[in-house]
Amino acid sequence: MMLVFPRDCRNFIAAIFLLLLPILSVAADSQQSISPPTPFFSVLQMLFGLGVVLLMIAGGAWILKRFSDAQFGLTKDIRVVSAVAVGPKERVVLVDVGETRLVLGVAPGHVNKLTEMPRPVEVDNAVSTAPTPFIIKLKEKLAARGEIK
């Protein structure tokens, strides 16, 4: 079975390989002439090794972020459409779940469903001056709770 990597992943692996080539040449040269390393060379070698490790950690995080959502199928069923802060730690979030759009109130420690509506058909980014049904429903809910006058 042959492993097939996406194009971005192949480029990343090729870049790592090219970065490691100088190390291999230094290793080949050091076998020919054995001399005690100077303190400057030791510090330089340590910093280079640290840089390689940090690059590998960053590359691994990038790969996980890039491919994890598609692997678990999260991008198809659940999607956060929008979020707005209404307080220092409180947010109102629009979430599409299948054919349903949920309006959620999110605060530390709990999530409340404010309303549920059918998912709108995707339309071009046309700017509308009329209030959307979401704004009207949100104002109704807040008025019913006594949070808005």
N, C-alpha and C. Protein backbone atom coordinates (compact mmCIF):
# COMPACT_ATOMS: atom_id res chain seq x y z
N MET A 1 0.85 -1.17 0.00
CA MET A 1 0.00 0.00 0.00
C MET A 1 0.90 1.24 0.00
N MET A 2 0.64 2.14 -0.90
CA MET A 2 1.44 3.35 -1.02
C MET A 2 0.72 4.51 -0.36
N LEU A 3 1.46 5.28 0.44
CA LEU A 3 0.87 6.45 1.08
C LEU A 3 0.79 7.59 0.09
N VAL A 4 -0.36 8.26 0.07
CA VAL A 4 -0.56 9.39 -0.82
C VAL A 4 -0.79 10.62 0.05
N PHE A 5 0.05 11.61 -0.10
CA PHE A 5 -0.06 12.84 0.68
C PHE A 5 -0.62 13.95 -0.20
N PRO A 6 -1.38 14.86 0.40
CA PRO A 6 -1.82 16.03 -0.35
C PRO A 6 -0.61 16.86 -0.79
N ARG A 7 -0.80 17.71 -1.78
CA ARG A 7 0.29 18.49 -2.35
C ARG A 7 0.98 19.36 -1.31
N ASP A 8 0.22 20.02 -0.43
CA ASP A 8 0.82 20.86 0.60
C ASP A 8 1.68 20.05 1.54
N CYS A 9 1.23 18.85 1.87
CA CYS A 9 1.97 17.99 2.79
C CYS A 9 3.29 17.54 2.13
N ARG A 10 3.24 17.21 0.84
CA ARG A 10 4.46 16.81 0.15
C ARG A 10 5.48 17.95 0.12
N ASN A 11 4.99 19.16 -0.10
CA ASN A 11 5.89 20.32 -0.11
C ASN A 11 6.52 20.52 1.27
N PHE A 12 5.73 20.32 2.32
CA PHE A 12 6.23 20.46 3.68
C PHE A 12 7.31 19.42 3.98
N ILE A 13 7.07 18.17 3.58
CA ILE A 13 8.04 17.10 3.81
C ILE A 13 9.32 17.38 3.02
N ALA A 14 9.19 17.87 1.79
CA ALA A 14 10.37 18.19 0.98
C ALA A 14 11.16 19.33 1.63
N ALA A 15 10.47 20.32 2.19
CA ALA A 15 11.17 21.43 2.84
C ALA A 15 11.93 20.94 4.07
N ILE A 16 11.33 20.06 4.86
CA ILE A 16 12.02 19.50 6.04
C ILE A 16 13.26 18.73 5.59
N PHE A 17 13.13 17.93 4.54
CA PHE A 17 14.27 17.16 4.04
C PHE A 17 15.41 18.09 3.59
N LEU A 18 15.05 19.16 2.88
CA LEU A 18 16.08 20.10 2.42
C LEU A 18 16.74 20.83 3.59
N LEU A 19 15.99 21.08 4.65
CA LEU A 19 16.59 21.71 5.83
C LEU A 19 17.54 20.77 6.56
N LEU A 20 17.30 19.47 6.46
CA LEU A 20 18.15 18.51 7.16
C LEU A 20 19.40 18.13 6.37
N LEU A 21 19.49 18.46 5.09
CA LEU A 21 20.67 18.13 4.29
C LEU A 21 21.96 18.71 4.84
N PRO A 22 22.00 19.97 5.29
CA PRO A 22 23.27 20.48 5.85
C PRO A 22 23.74 19.69 7.07
N ILE A 23 22.81 19.18 7.85
CA ILE A 23 23.20 18.39 9.03
C ILE A 23 23.94 17.14 8.59
N LEU A 24 23.44 16.50 7.52
CA LEU A 24 24.09 15.29 7.04
C LEU A 24 25.50 15.58 6.53
N SER A 25 25.69 16.72 5.86
CA SER A 25 27.02 17.05 5.36
C SER A 25 27.97 17.38 6.51
N VAL A 26 27.48 18.04 7.55
CA VAL A 26 28.30 18.33 8.73
C VAL A 26 28.69 17.04 9.41
N ALA A 27 27.74 16.09 9.48
CA ALA A 27 28.04 14.81 10.10
C ALA A 27 29.11 14.06 9.32
N ALA A 28 29.06 14.13 7.99
CA ALA A 28 30.07 13.46 7.17
C ALA A 28 31.44 14.12 7.34
N ASP A 29 31.48 15.45 7.42
CA ASP A 29 32.75 16.15 7.61
C ASP A 29 33.33 15.90 8.99
N SER A 30 32.50 15.79 10.00
CA SER A 30 33.00 15.63 11.36
C SER A 30 33.62 14.25 11.56
N GLN A 31 33.25 13.27 10.75
CA GLN A 31 33.86 11.95 10.88
C GLN A 31 35.29 11.95 10.34
N GLN A 32 35.61 12.84 9.42
CA GLN A 32 36.93 12.87 8.83
C GLN A 32 37.96 13.50 9.77
N SER A 33 37.60 14.58 10.40
CA SER A 33 38.55 15.24 11.29
C SER A 33 37.92 15.34 12.68
N ILE A 34 38.49 14.65 13.62
CA ILE A 34 37.97 14.65 14.97
C ILE A 34 38.74 15.67 15.79
N SER A 35 38.01 16.71 16.22
CA SER A 35 38.61 17.72 17.07
C SER A 35 37.57 18.12 18.11
N PRO A 36 38.01 18.54 19.27
CA PRO A 36 37.03 18.93 20.30
C PRO A 36 36.24 20.15 19.85
N PRO A 37 34.92 20.12 20.07
CA PRO A 37 34.11 21.27 19.63
C PRO A 37 34.38 22.49 20.49
N THR A 38 34.32 23.63 19.85
CA THR A 38 34.49 24.89 20.58
C THR A 38 33.17 25.25 21.26
N PRO A 39 33.21 26.06 22.30
CA PRO A 39 31.96 26.45 22.96
C PRO A 39 31.00 27.17 22.02
N PHE A 40 31.52 27.97 21.11
CA PHE A 40 30.66 28.68 20.16
C PHE A 40 29.92 27.69 19.27
N PHE A 41 30.64 26.67 18.76
CA PHE A 41 30.02 25.68 17.89
C PHE A 41 28.99 24.87 18.66
N SER A 42 29.24 24.58 19.93
CA SER A 42 28.28 23.83 20.75
C SER A 42 26.98 24.62 20.93
N VAL A 43 27.10 25.91 21.21
CA VAL A 43 25.91 26.75 21.39
C VAL A 43 25.17 26.87 20.06
N LEU A 44 25.91 27.06 18.97
CA LEU A 44 25.30 27.16 17.66
C LEU A 44 24.55 25.88 17.29
N GLN A 45 25.16 24.74 17.59
CA GLN A 45 24.52 23.45 17.31
C GLN A 45 23.26 23.28 18.15
N MET A 46 23.30 23.70 19.41
CA MET A 46 22.13 23.60 20.27
C MET A 46 20.99 24.48 19.76
N LEU A 47 21.31 25.71 19.36
CA LEU A 47 20.29 26.62 18.85
C LEU A 47 19.69 26.11 17.55
N PHE A 48 20.51 25.54 16.68
CA PHE A 48 20.01 24.98 15.43
C PHE A 48 19.07 23.81 15.72
N GLY A 49 19.45 22.94 16.65
CA GLY A 49 18.59 21.82 17.04
C GLY A 49 17.27 22.29 17.62
N LEU A 50 17.33 23.33 18.45
CA LEU A 50 16.11 23.89 19.01
C LEU A 50 15.21 24.45 17.92
N GLY A 51 15.82 25.14 16.95
CA GLY A 51 15.04 25.67 15.83
C GLY A 51 14.37 24.57 15.03
N VAL A 52 15.09 23.47 14.78
CA VAL A 52 14.51 22.35 14.04
C VAL A 52 13.33 21.75 14.81
N VAL A 53 13.48 21.58 16.11
CA VAL A 53 12.39 21.02 16.92
C VAL A 53 11.18 21.95 16.92
N LEU A 54 11.40 23.25 17.06
CA LEU A 54 10.27 24.20 17.03
C LEU A 54 9.59 24.21 15.67
N LEU A 55 10.36 24.12 14.60
CA LEU A 55 9.75 24.03 13.26
C LEU A 55 8.93 22.76 13.09
N MET A 56 9.42 21.66 13.63
CA MET A 56 8.67 20.41 13.55
C MET A 56 7.37 20.49 14.34
N ILE A 57 7.40 21.11 15.51
CA ILE A 57 6.19 21.28 16.32
C ILE A 57 5.19 22.16 15.57
N ALA A 58 5.66 23.29 15.01
CA ALA A 58 4.77 24.18 14.27
C ALA A 58 4.21 23.48 13.03
N GLY A 59 5.03 22.73 12.34
CA GLY A 59 4.56 21.99 11.16
C GLY A 59 3.53 20.93 11.53
N GLY A 60 3.77 20.23 12.63
CA GLY A 60 2.79 19.23 13.08
C GLY A 60 1.47 19.87 13.46
N ALA A 61 1.52 21.00 14.14
CA ALA A 61 0.28 21.71 14.50
C ALA A 61 -0.45 22.18 13.26
N TRP A 62 0.29 22.67 12.27
CA TRP A 62 -0.33 23.13 11.03
C TRP A 62 -1.01 21.96 10.31
N ILE A 63 -0.34 20.82 10.25
CA ILE A 63 -0.92 19.64 9.58
C ILE A 63 -2.18 19.19 10.31
N LEU A 64 -2.14 19.14 11.64
CA LEU A 64 -3.32 18.73 12.39
C LEU A 64 -4.48 19.69 12.17
N LYS A 65 -4.20 20.97 12.19
CA LYS A 65 -5.26 21.97 11.99
C LYS A 65 -5.82 21.87 10.58
N ARG A 66 -4.95 21.68 9.62
CA ARG A 66 -5.37 21.67 8.21
C ARG A 66 -6.23 20.46 7.87
N PHE A 67 -5.90 19.30 8.41
CA PHE A 67 -6.55 18.07 7.97
C PHE A 67 -7.49 17.44 8.99
N SER A 68 -7.55 17.94 10.22
CA SER A 68 -8.37 17.26 11.23
C SER A 68 -9.87 17.46 11.00
N ASP A 69 -10.33 18.66 10.63
CA ASP A 69 -11.75 18.89 10.42
C ASP A 69 -12.29 18.04 9.27
N ALA A 70 -11.57 17.99 8.18
CA ALA A 70 -12.03 17.21 7.03
C ALA A 70 -12.02 15.72 7.34
N GLN A 71 -11.10 15.27 8.18
CA GLN A 71 -11.01 13.85 8.50
C GLN A 71 -12.22 13.39 9.29
N PHE A 72 -12.72 14.19 10.21
CA PHE A 72 -13.84 13.79 11.04
C PHE A 72 -15.17 14.23 10.46
N GLY A 73 -15.21 14.90 9.34
CA GLY A 73 -16.45 15.29 8.70
C GLY A 73 -17.19 16.41 9.40
N LEU A 74 -16.51 17.19 10.20
CA LEU A 74 -17.17 18.26 10.95
C LEU A 74 -17.58 19.42 10.05
N THR A 75 -16.93 19.58 8.93
CA THR A 75 -17.22 20.72 8.09
C THR A 75 -18.54 20.57 7.34
N LYS A 76 -19.08 19.38 7.23
CA LYS A 76 -20.29 19.17 6.46
C LYS A 76 -21.55 19.37 7.30
N ASP A 77 -21.56 18.87 8.52
CA ASP A 77 -22.78 18.84 9.32
C ASP A 77 -22.95 20.04 10.24
N ILE A 78 -21.89 20.47 10.87
CA ILE A 78 -21.98 21.56 11.84
C ILE A 78 -21.04 22.67 11.38
N ARG A 79 -21.58 23.91 11.37
CA ARG A 79 -20.77 25.04 10.92
C ARG A 79 -21.16 26.26 11.73
N VAL A 80 -20.16 26.95 12.30
CA VAL A 80 -20.41 28.21 13.00
C VAL A 80 -20.47 29.30 11.94
N VAL A 81 -21.64 29.92 11.82
CA VAL A 81 -21.85 30.93 10.78
C VAL A 81 -21.31 32.28 11.24
N SER A 82 -21.65 32.65 12.47
CA SER A 82 -21.28 33.97 12.96
C SER A 82 -21.29 33.95 14.48
N ALA A 83 -20.55 34.88 15.07
CA ALA A 83 -20.54 35.03 16.52
C ALA A 83 -20.30 36.50 16.83
N VAL A 84 -20.98 36.98 17.85
CA VAL A 84 -20.80 38.37 18.26
C VAL A 84 -20.76 38.42 19.78
N ALA A 85 -19.84 39.23 20.32
CA ALA A 85 -19.72 39.37 21.77
C ALA A 85 -20.79 40.34 22.25
N VAL A 86 -21.49 39.95 23.30
CA VAL A 86 -22.50 40.82 23.91
C VAL A 86 -22.10 41.21 25.33
N GLY A 87 -20.96 40.76 25.75
CA GLY A 87 -20.43 41.07 27.07
C GLY A 87 -18.97 40.64 27.11
N PRO A 88 -18.34 40.79 28.27
CA PRO A 88 -16.92 40.42 28.35
C PRO A 88 -16.67 38.94 28.10
N LYS A 89 -17.61 38.08 28.51
CA LYS A 89 -17.43 36.65 28.32
C LYS A 89 -18.65 36.00 27.68
N GLU A 90 -19.63 36.78 27.26
CA GLU A 90 -20.85 36.25 26.68
C GLU A 90 -20.86 36.51 25.18
N ARG A 91 -21.41 35.54 24.43
CA ARG A 91 -21.49 35.65 22.97
C ARG A 91 -22.83 35.12 22.50
N VAL A 92 -23.28 35.64 21.38
CA VAL A 92 -24.41 35.08 20.65
C VAL A 92 -23.82 34.46 19.40
N VAL A 93 -24.15 33.17 19.16
CA VAL A 93 -23.52 32.41 18.09
C VAL A 93 -24.59 31.84 17.18
N LEU A 94 -24.40 31.97 15.87
CA LEU A 94 -25.25 31.33 14.87
C LEU A 94 -24.56 30.05 14.42
N VAL A 95 -25.27 28.92 14.53
CA VAL A 95 -24.70 27.62 14.17
C VAL A 95 -25.65 26.92 13.22
N ASP A 96 -25.14 26.44 12.09
CA ASP A 96 -25.92 25.62 11.18
C ASP A 96 -25.68 24.16 11.51
N VAL A 97 -26.78 23.44 11.79
CA VAL A 97 -26.72 22.01 12.06
C VAL A 97 -27.66 21.35 11.06
N GLY A 98 -27.10 20.74 10.03
CA GLY A 98 -27.93 20.15 8.99
C GLY A 98 -28.72 21.23 8.28
N GLU A 99 -30.05 21.11 8.29
CA GLU A 99 -30.92 22.09 7.67
C GLU A 99 -31.51 23.06 8.69
N THR A 100 -30.97 23.10 9.89
CA THR A 100 -31.47 23.95 10.96
C THR A 100 -30.41 24.96 11.35
N ARG A 101 -30.84 26.18 11.64
CA ARG A 101 -29.94 27.22 12.14
C ARG A 101 -30.32 27.49 13.59
N LEU A 102 -29.35 27.38 14.48
CA LEU A 102 -29.56 27.62 15.90
C LEU A 102 -28.94 28.95 16.29
N VAL A 103 -29.64 29.67 17.16
CA VAL A 103 -29.10 30.88 17.76
C VAL A 103 -28.82 30.53 19.21
N LEU A 104 -27.55 30.54 19.59
CA LEU A 104 -27.13 30.10 20.91
C LEU A 104 -26.55 31.26 21.70
N GLY A 105 -26.87 31.31 22.98
CA GLY A 105 -26.24 32.22 23.91
C GLY A 105 -25.16 31.47 24.65
N VAL A 106 -23.94 31.90 24.54
CA VAL A 106 -22.81 31.18 25.12
C VAL A 106 -22.20 32.04 26.21
N ALA A 107 -22.08 31.46 27.40
CA ALA A 107 -21.45 32.13 28.54
C ALA A 107 -20.56 31.09 29.23
N PRO A 108 -19.66 31.53 30.09
CA PRO A 108 -18.80 30.56 30.77
C PRO A 108 -19.63 29.54 31.55
N GLY A 109 -19.46 28.30 31.22
CA GLY A 109 -20.12 27.24 31.96
C GLY A 109 -21.45 26.78 31.40
N HIS A 110 -22.05 27.50 30.46
CA HIS A 110 -23.33 27.01 29.92
C HIS A 110 -23.62 27.63 28.55
N VAL A 111 -24.47 26.90 27.81
CA VAL A 111 -24.91 27.32 26.49
C VAL A 111 -26.43 27.23 26.47
N ASN A 112 -27.11 28.32 26.06
CA ASN A 112 -28.57 28.34 25.99
C ASN A 112 -29.01 28.49 24.54
N LYS A 113 -30.03 27.70 24.17
CA LYS A 113 -30.61 27.86 22.83
C LYS A 113 -31.62 28.98 22.90
N LEU A 114 -31.36 30.08 22.16
CA LEU A 114 -32.27 31.21 22.16
C LEU A 114 -33.42 30.99 21.20
N THR A 115 -33.11 30.51 20.00
CA THR A 115 -34.16 30.21 19.03
C THR A 115 -33.63 29.25 18.00
N GLU A 116 -34.57 28.69 17.23
CA GLU A 116 -34.24 27.74 16.18
C GLU A 116 -35.04 28.13 14.95
N MET A 117 -34.40 28.08 13.79
CA MET A 117 -35.09 28.46 12.56
C MET A 117 -34.54 27.62 11.42
N PRO A 118 -35.27 27.56 10.31
CA PRO A 118 -34.73 26.81 9.16
C PRO A 118 -33.51 27.51 8.59
N ARG A 119 -32.60 26.72 8.08
CA ARG A 119 -31.38 27.26 7.50
C ARG A 119 -31.72 28.01 6.22
N PRO A 120 -31.29 29.26 6.10
CA PRO A 120 -31.61 30.02 4.88
C PRO A 120 -30.81 29.51 3.69
N VAL A 121 -31.37 29.72 2.53
CA VAL A 121 -30.67 29.36 1.30
C VAL A 121 -29.51 30.32 1.12
N GLU A 122 -28.36 29.79 0.73
CA GLU A 122 -27.18 30.62 0.54
C GLU A 122 -27.43 31.62 -0.58
N VAL A 123 -27.25 32.89 -0.28
CA VAL A 123 -27.45 33.97 -1.23
C VAL A 123 -26.14 34.72 -1.36
N ASP A 124 -25.96 35.43 -2.46
CA ASP A 124 -24.76 36.26 -2.62
C ASP A 124 -24.70 37.27 -1.49
N ASN A 125 -23.55 37.84 -1.27
CA ASN A 125 -23.34 38.79 -0.18
C ASN A 125 -23.97 40.14 -0.53
N ALA A 126 -25.28 40.17 -0.66
CA ALA A 126 -25.99 41.41 -0.94
C ALA A 126 -26.27 42.11 0.38
N VAL A 127 -26.01 43.40 0.42
CA VAL A 127 -26.22 44.17 1.63
C VAL A 127 -27.68 44.61 1.68
N SER A 128 -28.33 44.34 2.80
CA SER A 128 -29.73 44.68 2.96
C SER A 128 -29.86 45.72 4.06
N THR A 129 -30.72 46.72 3.84
CA THR A 129 -30.93 47.74 4.87
C THR A 129 -32.09 47.37 5.77
N ALA A 130 -32.96 46.45 5.35
CA ALA A 130 -34.09 46.04 6.18
C ALA A 130 -33.59 45.10 7.27
N PRO A 131 -34.20 45.16 8.47
CA PRO A 131 -33.79 44.27 9.53
C PRO A 131 -34.06 42.81 9.14
N THR A 132 -33.11 41.96 9.45
CA THR A 132 -33.28 40.55 9.14
C THR A 132 -34.17 39.89 10.18
N PRO A 133 -34.77 38.76 9.84
CA PRO A 133 -35.60 38.06 10.82
C PRO A 133 -34.83 37.70 12.09
N PHE A 134 -33.54 37.47 11.97
CA PHE A 134 -32.75 37.15 13.15
C PHE A 134 -32.76 38.30 14.15
N ILE A 135 -32.57 39.51 13.66
CA ILE A 135 -32.54 40.68 14.56
C ILE A 135 -33.89 40.85 15.24
N ILE A 136 -34.96 40.68 14.47
CA ILE A 136 -36.30 40.82 15.04
C ILE A 136 -36.54 39.76 16.11
N LYS A 137 -36.20 38.50 15.82
CA LYS A 137 -36.41 37.43 16.80
C LYS A 137 -35.53 37.62 18.04
N LEU A 138 -34.30 38.09 17.84
CA LEU A 138 -33.42 38.32 18.97
C LEU A 138 -33.98 39.41 19.87
N LYS A 139 -34.47 40.50 19.28
CA LYS A 139 -35.07 41.57 20.08
C LYS A 139 -36.30 41.08 20.83
N GLU A 140 -37.14 40.24 20.19
CA GLU A 140 -38.31 39.67 20.85
C GLU A 140 -37.91 38.82 22.05
N LYS A 141 -36.91 37.96 21.86
CA LYS A 141 -36.45 37.09 22.95
C LYS A 141 -35.89 37.91 24.11
N LEU A 142 -35.08 38.92 23.79
CA LEU A 142 -34.50 39.75 24.85
C LEU A 142 -35.59 40.56 25.56
N ALA A 143 -36.59 41.04 24.82
CA ALA A 143 -37.68 41.77 25.43
C ALA A 143 -38.51 40.87 26.33
N ALA A 144 -38.71 39.61 25.90
CA ALA A 144 -39.48 38.66 26.71
C ALA A 144 -38.76 38.34 28.02
N ARG A 145 -37.43 38.34 27.99
CA ARG A 145 -36.66 38.05 29.20
C ARG A 145 -36.48 39.30 30.06
N GLY A 146 -36.87 40.45 29.56
CA GLY A 146 -36.75 41.69 30.31
C GLY A 146 -35.37 42.30 30.28
N GLU A 147 -34.55 41.86 29.32
CA GLU A 147 -33.19 42.37 29.22
C GLU A 147 -33.09 43.61 28.34
N ILE A 148 -34.14 43.90 27.56
CA ILE A 148 -34.13 45.08 26.70
C ILE A 148 -35.46 45.79 26.87
N LYS A 149 -35.42 47.11 26.75
CA LYS A 149 -36.66 47.89 26.94
C LYS A 149 -37.20 48.35 25.62
